[in-house]
Amino acid sequence: DDMSTVEVALSKIDEKPPLHYFGNIGGYEKGVYEMGGNRVIVPTSRPFVEAVQGECPTWEKAFKQLMGFDSDSEYAEEQLIRSMGWLKQTRKAMRDPKEDRQSQVYVWVGETDSGKSWGQKELLPKLIGRQIFLTAENVNDKFNDDMIAAELINLSDASGKAGHEDRNKFTQRIKQLIANPEGSVEAKFRGRVCLPQRQRFVVSCNPDG
């Protein structure tokens, strides 16, 4: 028997592979992917500023100030070298997330008003990509679209509202985020899907944190 127009349309829909997730994923260019058996569409490429050969006095000055060169810190040179090493590996991971480079945590310890917040909010995102901020109060929330879409996750325990129990949960949650190669995300109008977690983590705290 001849199929009706509706039946033809439905048969074509059935032939297409199902879409399990639509959204940005940290480190990934826009495109269609197969991830753990899930069909995923990434609509927007991650923002990434490619390096070019030449001098960078503005960036160099900013990092040196944050590392304590102005205060003649004896650890400033070593801190700068380690920071540049972390940044290099992070940019490599963001350039090609399929290489599955192990996440490395950058811990930023400094006094209040030492520039940590400025470095997190203004400096690193320009070099790495999209960011999200989590604190001891909200870090225990479920993995969501904003988290999976970010290249940089900033974690801070500086909130005065966080008690001992919150800080312990905060520490355990950080370990989970760093160690797990995938994050379980609940797609809108669909079930939960496991997606690759390629974010880099920056933890900021005061010396007594």
C-alpha atoms as a PDB file:
ATOM      1  CA  ASP A   1       0.000   0.000   0.000  1.00  0.00           C
ATOM      2  CA  ASP A   2       1.096   3.563  -0.617  1.00  0.00           C
ATOM      3  CA  MET A   3       2.295   5.378   2.470  1.00  0.00           C
ATOM      4  CA  SER A   4       0.663   8.636   3.464  1.00  0.00           C
ATOM      5  CA  THR A   5       2.681  11.865   3.641  1.00  0.00           C
ATOM      6  CA  VAL A   6       2.701  11.683   7.438  1.00  0.00           C
ATOM      7  CA  GLU A   7       3.917   8.072   7.409  1.00  0.00           C
ATOM      8  CA  VAL A   8       6.733   8.966   5.011  1.00  0.00           C
ATOM      9  CA  ALA A   9       7.815  11.843   7.243  1.00  0.00           C
ATOM     10  CA  LEU A  10       7.742   9.648  10.351  1.00  0.00           C
ATOM     11  CA  SER A  11       9.783   6.941   8.633  1.00  0.00           C
ATOM     12  CA  LYS A  12      12.466   9.484   7.740  1.00  0.00           C
ATOM     13  CA  ILE A  13      12.599  10.719  11.331  1.00  0.00           C
ATOM     14  CA  ASP A  14      13.015   7.141  12.560  1.00  0.00           C
ATOM     15  CA  GLU A  15      15.944   6.651  10.175  1.00  0.00           C
ATOM     16  CA  LYS A  16      17.886   9.555  11.684  1.00  0.00           C
ATOM     17  CA  PRO A  17      20.061   8.820  14.729  1.00  0.00           C
ATOM     18  CA  PRO A  18      18.623  10.251  17.971  1.00  0.00           C
ATOM     19  CA  LEU A  19      20.026  13.433  19.476  1.00  0.00           C
ATOM     20  CA  HIS A  20      21.007  12.958  23.106  1.00  0.00           C
ATOM     21  CA  TYR A  21      22.456  16.374  23.934  1.00  0.00           C
ATOM     22  CA  PHE A  22      22.516  19.854  22.398  1.00  0.00           C
ATOM     23  CA  GLY A  23      24.821  22.374  24.054  1.00  0.00           C
ATOM     24  CA  ASN A  24      28.344  23.692  24.375  1.00  0.00           C
ATOM     25  CA  ILE A  25      31.065  21.512  25.896  1.00  0.00           C
ATOM     26  CA  GLY A  26      34.260  22.961  27.323  1.00  0.00           C
ATOM     27  CA  GLY A  27      37.162  22.769  24.869  1.00  0.00           C
ATOM     28  CA  TYR A  28      35.155  21.515  21.882  1.00  0.00           C
ATOM     29  CA  GLU A  29      34.668  23.168  18.501  1.00  0.00           C
ATOM     30  CA  LYS A  30      31.136  23.367  17.133  1.00  0.00           C
ATOM     31  CA  GLY A  31      30.047  20.222  15.323  1.00  0.00           C
ATOM     32  CA  VAL A  32      28.360  16.830  15.650  1.00  0.00           C
ATOM     33  CA  TYR A  33      30.048  14.258  17.897  1.00  0.00           C
ATOM     34  CA  GLU A  34      29.629  10.711  19.135  1.00  0.00           C
ATOM     35  CA  MET A  35      30.464  10.696  22.842  1.00  0.00           C
ATOM     36  CA  GLY A  36      30.138   7.455  24.767  1.00  0.00           C
ATOM     37  CA  GLY A  37      27.389   6.229  22.481  1.00  0.00           C
ATOM     38  CA  ASN A  38      25.557   9.564  22.641  1.00  0.00           C
ATOM     39  CA  ARG A  39      24.950  11.785  19.630  1.00  0.00           C
ATOM     40  CA  VAL A  40      25.878  15.329  20.624  1.00  0.00           C
ATOM     41  CA  ILE A  41      25.634  18.655  18.803  1.00  0.00           C
ATOM     42  CA  VAL A  42      27.905  21.475  19.995  1.00  0.00           C
ATOM     43  CA  PRO A  43      26.471  24.748  18.568  1.00  0.00           C
ATOM     44  CA  THR A  44      29.288  27.163  19.469  1.00  0.00           C
ATOM     45  CA  SER A  45      33.067  26.799  19.317  1.00  0.00           C
ATOM     46  CA  ARG A  46      35.076  27.538  22.445  1.00  0.00           C
ATOM     47  CA  PRO A  47      36.632  31.020  22.448  1.00  0.00           C
ATOM     48  CA  PHE A  48      40.357  30.616  22.014  1.00  0.00           C
ATOM     49  CA  VAL A  49      43.032  33.185  21.281  1.00  0.00           C
ATOM     50  CA  GLU A  50      45.835  31.564  19.308  1.00  0.00           C
ATOM     51  CA  ALA A  51      49.378  32.531  20.248  1.00  0.00           C
ATOM     52  CA  VAL A  52      51.632  34.353  17.799  1.00  0.00           C
ATOM     53  CA  GLN A  53      55.389  34.789  17.922  1.00  0.00           C
ATOM     54  CA  GLY A  54      56.596  38.003  19.510  1.00  0.00           C
ATOM     55  CA  GLU A  55      56.910  39.921  22.750  1.00  0.00           C
ATOM     56  CA  CYS A  56      54.044  40.218  25.255  1.00  0.00           C
ATOM     57  CA  PRO A  57      55.109  42.890  27.784  1.00  0.00           C
ATOM     58  CA  THR A  58      51.571  43.568  29.055  1.00  0.00           C
ATOM     59  CA  TRP A  59      50.837  39.918  29.847  1.00  0.00           C
ATOM     60  CA  GLU A  60      54.317  39.431  31.304  1.00  0.00           C
ATOM     61  CA  LYS A  61      53.939  42.445  33.594  1.00  0.00           C
ATOM     62  CA  ALA A  62      50.508  41.297  34.777  1.00  0.00           C
ATOM     63  CA  PHE A  63      51.703  37.799  35.662  1.00  0.00           C
ATOM     64  CA  LYS A  64      54.852  39.067  37.375  1.00  0.00           C
ATOM     65  CA  GLN A  65      52.807  41.406  39.557  1.00  0.00           C
ATOM     66  CA  LEU A  66      50.509  38.550  40.564  1.00  0.00           C
ATOM     67  CA  MET A  67      53.467  36.283  41.324  1.00  0.00           C
ATOM     68  CA  GLY A  68      55.021  38.807  43.716  1.00  0.00           C
ATOM     69  CA  PHE A  69      57.864  40.285  41.674  1.00  0.00           C
ATOM     70  CA  ASP A  70      56.987  43.774  42.949  1.00  0.00           C
ATOM     71  CA  SER A  71      57.412  42.641  46.558  1.00  0.00           C
ATOM     72  CA  ASP A  72      60.741  40.879  45.853  1.00  0.00           C
ATOM     73  CA  SER A  73      59.297  37.513  46.897  1.00  0.00           C
ATOM     74  CA  GLU A  74      61.950  34.799  46.916  1.00  0.00           C
ATOM     75  CA  TYR A  75      59.443  32.417  45.329  1.00  0.00           C
ATOM     76  CA  ALA A  76      58.289  34.752  42.550  1.00  0.00           C
ATOM     77  CA  GLU A  77      60.476  33.273  39.806  1.00  0.00           C
ATOM     78  CA  GLU A  78      59.521  29.684  40.624  1.00  0.00           C
ATOM     79  CA  GLN A  79      55.829  30.595  40.860  1.00  0.00           C
ATOM     80  CA  LEU A  80      55.980  32.251  37.445  1.00  0.00           C
ATOM     81  CA  ILE A  81      57.653  29.215  35.843  1.00  0.00           C
ATOM     82  CA  ARG A  82      55.104  26.805  37.334  1.00  0.00           C
ATOM     83  CA  SER A  83      52.210  29.071  36.368  1.00  0.00           C
ATOM     84  CA  MET A  84      53.413  29.276  32.772  1.00  0.00           C
ATOM     85  CA  GLY A  85      53.778  25.481  32.706  1.00  0.00           C
ATOM     86  CA  TRP A  86      50.204  25.013  33.905  1.00  0.00           C
ATOM     87  CA  LEU A  87      48.925  27.561  31.407  1.00  0.00           C
ATOM     88  CA  LYS A  88      50.801  25.854  28.551  1.00  0.00           C
ATOM     89  CA  GLN A  89      49.328  22.432  29.375  1.00  0.00           C
ATOM     90  CA  THR A  90      45.874  23.942  29.819  1.00  0.00           C
ATOM     91  CA  ARG A  91      45.942  25.626  26.426  1.00  0.00           C
ATOM     92  CA  LYS A  92      47.130  22.382  24.813  1.00  0.00           C
ATOM     93  CA  ALA A  93      44.224  20.545  26.428  1.00  0.00           C
ATOM     94  CA  MET A  94      41.743  23.162  25.210  1.00  0.00           C
ATOM     95  CA  ARG A  95      43.203  23.146  21.702  1.00  0.00           C
ATOM     96  CA  ASP A  96      42.682  19.403  21.330  1.00  0.00           C
ATOM     97  CA  PRO A  97      40.363  17.978  24.032  1.00  0.00           C
ATOM     98  CA  LYS A  98      40.373  14.541  22.373  1.00  0.00           C
ATOM     99  CA  GLU A  99      43.939  14.013  23.656  1.00  0.00           C
ATOM    100  CA  ASP A 100      42.367  13.556  27.089  1.00  0.00           C
ATOM    101  CA  ARG A 101      45.075  15.360  29.049  1.00  0.00           C
ATOM    102  CA  GLN A 102      44.722  14.897  32.787  1.00  0.00           C
ATOM    103  CA  SER A 103      43.245  17.913  34.516  1.00  0.00           C
ATOM    104  CA  GLN A 104      45.688  19.934  36.577  1.00  0.00           C
ATOM    105  CA  VAL A 105      44.557  22.179  39.416  1.00  0.00           C
ATOM    106  CA  TYR A 106      45.982  25.640  39.823  1.00  0.00           C
ATOM    107  CA  VAL A 107      45.878  26.816  43.442  1.00  0.00           C
ATOM    108  CA  TRP A 108      46.042  30.571  43.897  1.00  0.00           C
ATOM    109  CA  VAL A 109      46.982  31.494  47.485  1.00  0.00           C
ATOM    110  CA  GLY A 110      47.310  35.125  48.485  1.00  0.00           C
ATOM    111  CA  GLU A 111      46.263  37.811  50.886  1.00  0.00           C
ATOM    112  CA  THR A 112      43.029  39.736  50.429  1.00  0.00           C
ATOM    113  CA  ASP A 113      43.344  42.350  47.652  1.00  0.00           C
ATOM    114  CA  SER A 114      46.467  40.664  46.266  1.00  0.00           C
ATOM    115  CA  GLY A 115      44.932  40.389  42.792  1.00  0.00           C
ATOM    116  CA  LYS A 116      43.598  36.806  42.909  1.00  0.00           C
ATOM    117  CA  SER A 117      40.063  37.807  41.953  1.00  0.00           C
ATOM    118  CA  TRP A 118      41.263  40.018  39.121  1.00  0.00           C
ATOM    119  CA  GLY A 119      43.459  37.211  37.800  1.00  0.00           C
ATOM    120  CA  GLN A 120      40.557  34.767  37.890  1.00  0.00           C
ATOM    121  CA  LYS A 121      37.918  37.091  36.435  1.00  0.00           C
ATOM    122  CA  GLU A 122      39.921  39.058  33.873  1.00  0.00           C
ATOM    123  CA  LEU A 123      43.271  37.434  33.062  1.00  0.00           C
ATOM    124  CA  LEU A 124      42.794  33.667  32.802  1.00  0.00           C
ATOM    125  CA  PRO A 125      39.485  33.658  30.837  1.00  0.00           C
ATOM    126  CA  LYS A 126      41.129  35.639  28.035  1.00  0.00           C
ATOM    127  CA  LEU A 127      43.759  32.911  27.712  1.00  0.00           C
ATOM    128  CA  ILE A 128      41.607  29.833  28.369  1.00  0.00           C
ATOM    129  CA  GLY A 129      37.945  30.475  27.570  1.00  0.00           C
ATOM    130  CA  ARG A 130      34.516  30.483  29.207  1.00  0.00           C
ATOM    131  CA  GLN A 131      34.375  30.344  32.977  1.00  0.00           C
ATOM    132  CA  ILE A 132      32.071  29.646  35.882  1.00  0.00           C
ATOM    133  CA  PHE A 133      32.473  30.429  39.587  1.00  0.00           C
ATOM    134  CA  LEU A 134      31.646  27.956  42.343  1.00  0.00           C
ATOM    135  CA  THR A 135      31.837  28.447  46.100  1.00  0.00           C
ATOM    136  CA  ALA A 136      31.559  26.224  49.146  1.00  0.00           C
ATOM    137  CA  GLU A 137      27.811  26.953  49.159  1.00  0.00           C
ATOM    138  CA  ASN A 138      26.962  25.934  45.588  1.00  0.00           C
ATOM    139  CA  VAL A 139      29.736  23.537  44.557  1.00  0.00           C
ATOM    140  CA  ASN A 140      27.616  20.597  45.669  1.00  0.00           C
ATOM    141  CA  ASP A 141      24.958  21.342  43.061  1.00  0.00           C
ATOM    142  CA  LYS A 142      24.522  18.840  40.249  1.00  0.00           C
ATOM    143  CA  PHE A 143      26.660  19.109  37.146  1.00  0.00           C
ATOM    144  CA  ASN A 144      24.725  21.449  34.846  1.00  0.00           C
ATOM    145  CA  ASP A 145      24.867  22.994  31.378  1.00  0.00           C
ATOM    146  CA  ASP A 146      26.920  25.984  32.552  1.00  0.00           C
ATOM    147  CA  MET A 147      29.569  23.767  34.125  1.00  0.00           C
ATOM    148  CA  ILE A 148      29.947  21.412  31.169  1.00  0.00           C
ATOM    149  CA  ALA A 149      30.158  24.393  28.772  1.00  0.00           C
ATOM    150  CA  ALA A 150      32.963  26.147  30.653  1.00  0.00           C
ATOM    151  CA  GLU A 151      36.659  25.729  29.929  1.00  0.00           C
ATOM    152  CA  LEU A 152      37.607  27.170  33.305  1.00  0.00           C
ATOM    153  CA  ILE A 153      35.982  26.411  36.656  1.00  0.00           C
ATOM    154  CA  ASN A 154      36.930  28.806  39.443  1.00  0.00           C
ATOM    155  CA  LEU A 155      36.536  27.431  42.945  1.00  0.00           C
ATOM    156  CA  SER A 156      36.683  29.572  46.043  1.00  0.00           C
ATOM    157  CA  ASP A 157      36.290  28.779  49.731  1.00  0.00           C
ATOM    158  CA  ALA A 158      36.540  32.409  50.740  1.00  0.00           C
ATOM    159  CA  SER A 159      32.873  32.819  51.691  1.00  0.00           C
ATOM    160  CA  GLY A 160      32.384  33.618  55.338  1.00  0.00           C
ATOM    161  CA  LYS A 161      29.074  31.708  55.362  1.00  0.00           C
ATOM    162  CA  ALA A 162      30.733  28.333  54.817  1.00  0.00           C
ATOM    163  CA  GLY A 163      30.982  26.218  57.944  1.00  0.00           C
ATOM    164  CA  HIS A 164      33.225  23.227  58.627  1.00  0.00           C
ATOM    165  CA  GLU A 165      30.785  20.743  57.082  1.00  0.00           C
ATOM    166  CA  ASP A 166      30.378  22.867  53.957  1.00  0.00           C
ATOM    167  CA  ARG A 167      34.145  23.117  53.561  1.00  0.00           C
ATOM    168  CA  ASN A 168      34.543  19.342  53.865  1.00  0.00           C
ATOM    169  CA  LYS A 169      31.889  18.804  51.187  1.00  0.00           C
ATOM    170  CA  PHE A 170      33.601  21.470  49.112  1.00  0.00           C
ATOM    171  CA  THR A 171      36.916  19.577  49.313  1.00  0.00           C
ATOM    172  CA  GLN A 172      35.329  16.228  48.427  1.00  0.00           C
ATOM    173  CA  ARG A 173      33.423  17.740  45.516  1.00  0.00           C
ATOM    174  CA  ILE A 174      36.615  19.267  44.114  1.00  0.00           C
ATOM    175  CA  LYS A 175      38.284  15.844  44.217  1.00  0.00           C
ATOM    176  CA  GLN A 176      35.343  14.317  42.342  1.00  0.00           C
ATOM    177  CA  LEU A 177      35.329  17.024  39.685  1.00  0.00           C
ATOM    178  CA  ILE A 178      39.061  16.714  39.086  1.00  0.00           C
ATOM    179  CA  ALA A 179      39.300  12.919  39.104  1.00  0.00           C
ATOM    180  CA  ASN A 180      36.276  12.068  36.948  1.00  0.00           C
ATOM    181  CA  PRO A 181      36.836  12.140  33.162  1.00  0.00           C
ATOM    182  CA  GLU A 182      33.095  12.533  32.583  1.00  0.00           C
ATOM    183  CA  GLY A 183      30.256  14.557  34.033  1.00  0.00           C
ATOM    184  CA  SER A 184      26.628  13.437  34.164  1.00  0.00           C
ATOM    185  CA  VAL A 185      24.371  16.162  32.789  1.00  0.00           C
ATOM    186  CA  GLU A 186      20.592  16.199  32.644  1.00  0.00           C
ATOM    187  CA  ALA A 187      19.576  17.321  29.162  1.00  0.00           C
ATOM    188  CA  LYS A 188      16.368  19.343  28.842  1.00  0.00           C
ATOM    189  CA  PHE A 189      13.351  17.130  28.126  1.00  0.00           C
ATOM    190  CA  ARG A 190      15.638  14.065  28.058  1.00  0.00           C
ATOM    191  CA  GLY A 191      17.431  11.778  30.465  1.00  0.00           C
ATOM    192  CA  ARG A 192      20.905  12.186  31.915  1.00  0.00           C
ATOM    193  CA  VAL A 193      23.906  11.769  29.631  1.00  0.00           C
ATOM    194  CA  CYS A 194      27.603  11.381  30.409  1.00  0.00           C
ATOM    195  CA  LEU A 195      29.787  13.929  28.627  1.00  0.00           C
ATOM    196  CA  PRO A 196      33.563  14.434  28.632  1.00  0.00           C
ATOM    197  CA  GLN A 197      34.795  16.758  31.330  1.00  0.00           C
ATOM    198  CA  ARG A 198      37.836  18.682  30.076  1.00  0.00           C
ATOM    199  CA  GLN A 199      37.595  21.741  32.285  1.00  0.00           C
ATOM    200  CA  ARG A 200      40.577  23.190  34.121  1.00  0.00           C
ATOM    201  CA  PHE A 201      40.258  24.201  37.754  1.00  0.00           C
ATOM    202  CA  VAL A 202      41.544  27.206  39.669  1.00  0.00           C
ATOM    203  CA  VAL A 203      41.204  27.205  43.460  1.00  0.00           C
ATOM    204  CA  SER A 204      41.708  30.515  45.246  1.00  0.00           C
ATOM    205  CA  CYS A 205      42.065  30.954  48.990  1.00  0.00           C
ATOM    206  CA  ASN A 206      43.728  33.093  51.630  1.00  0.00           C
ATOM    207  CA  PRO A 207      46.906  31.836  53.368  1.00  0.00           C
ATOM    208  CA  ASP A 208      44.830  30.666  56.344  1.00  0.00           C
ATOM    209  CA  GLY A 209      42.198  28.989  54.111  1.00  0.00           C
END
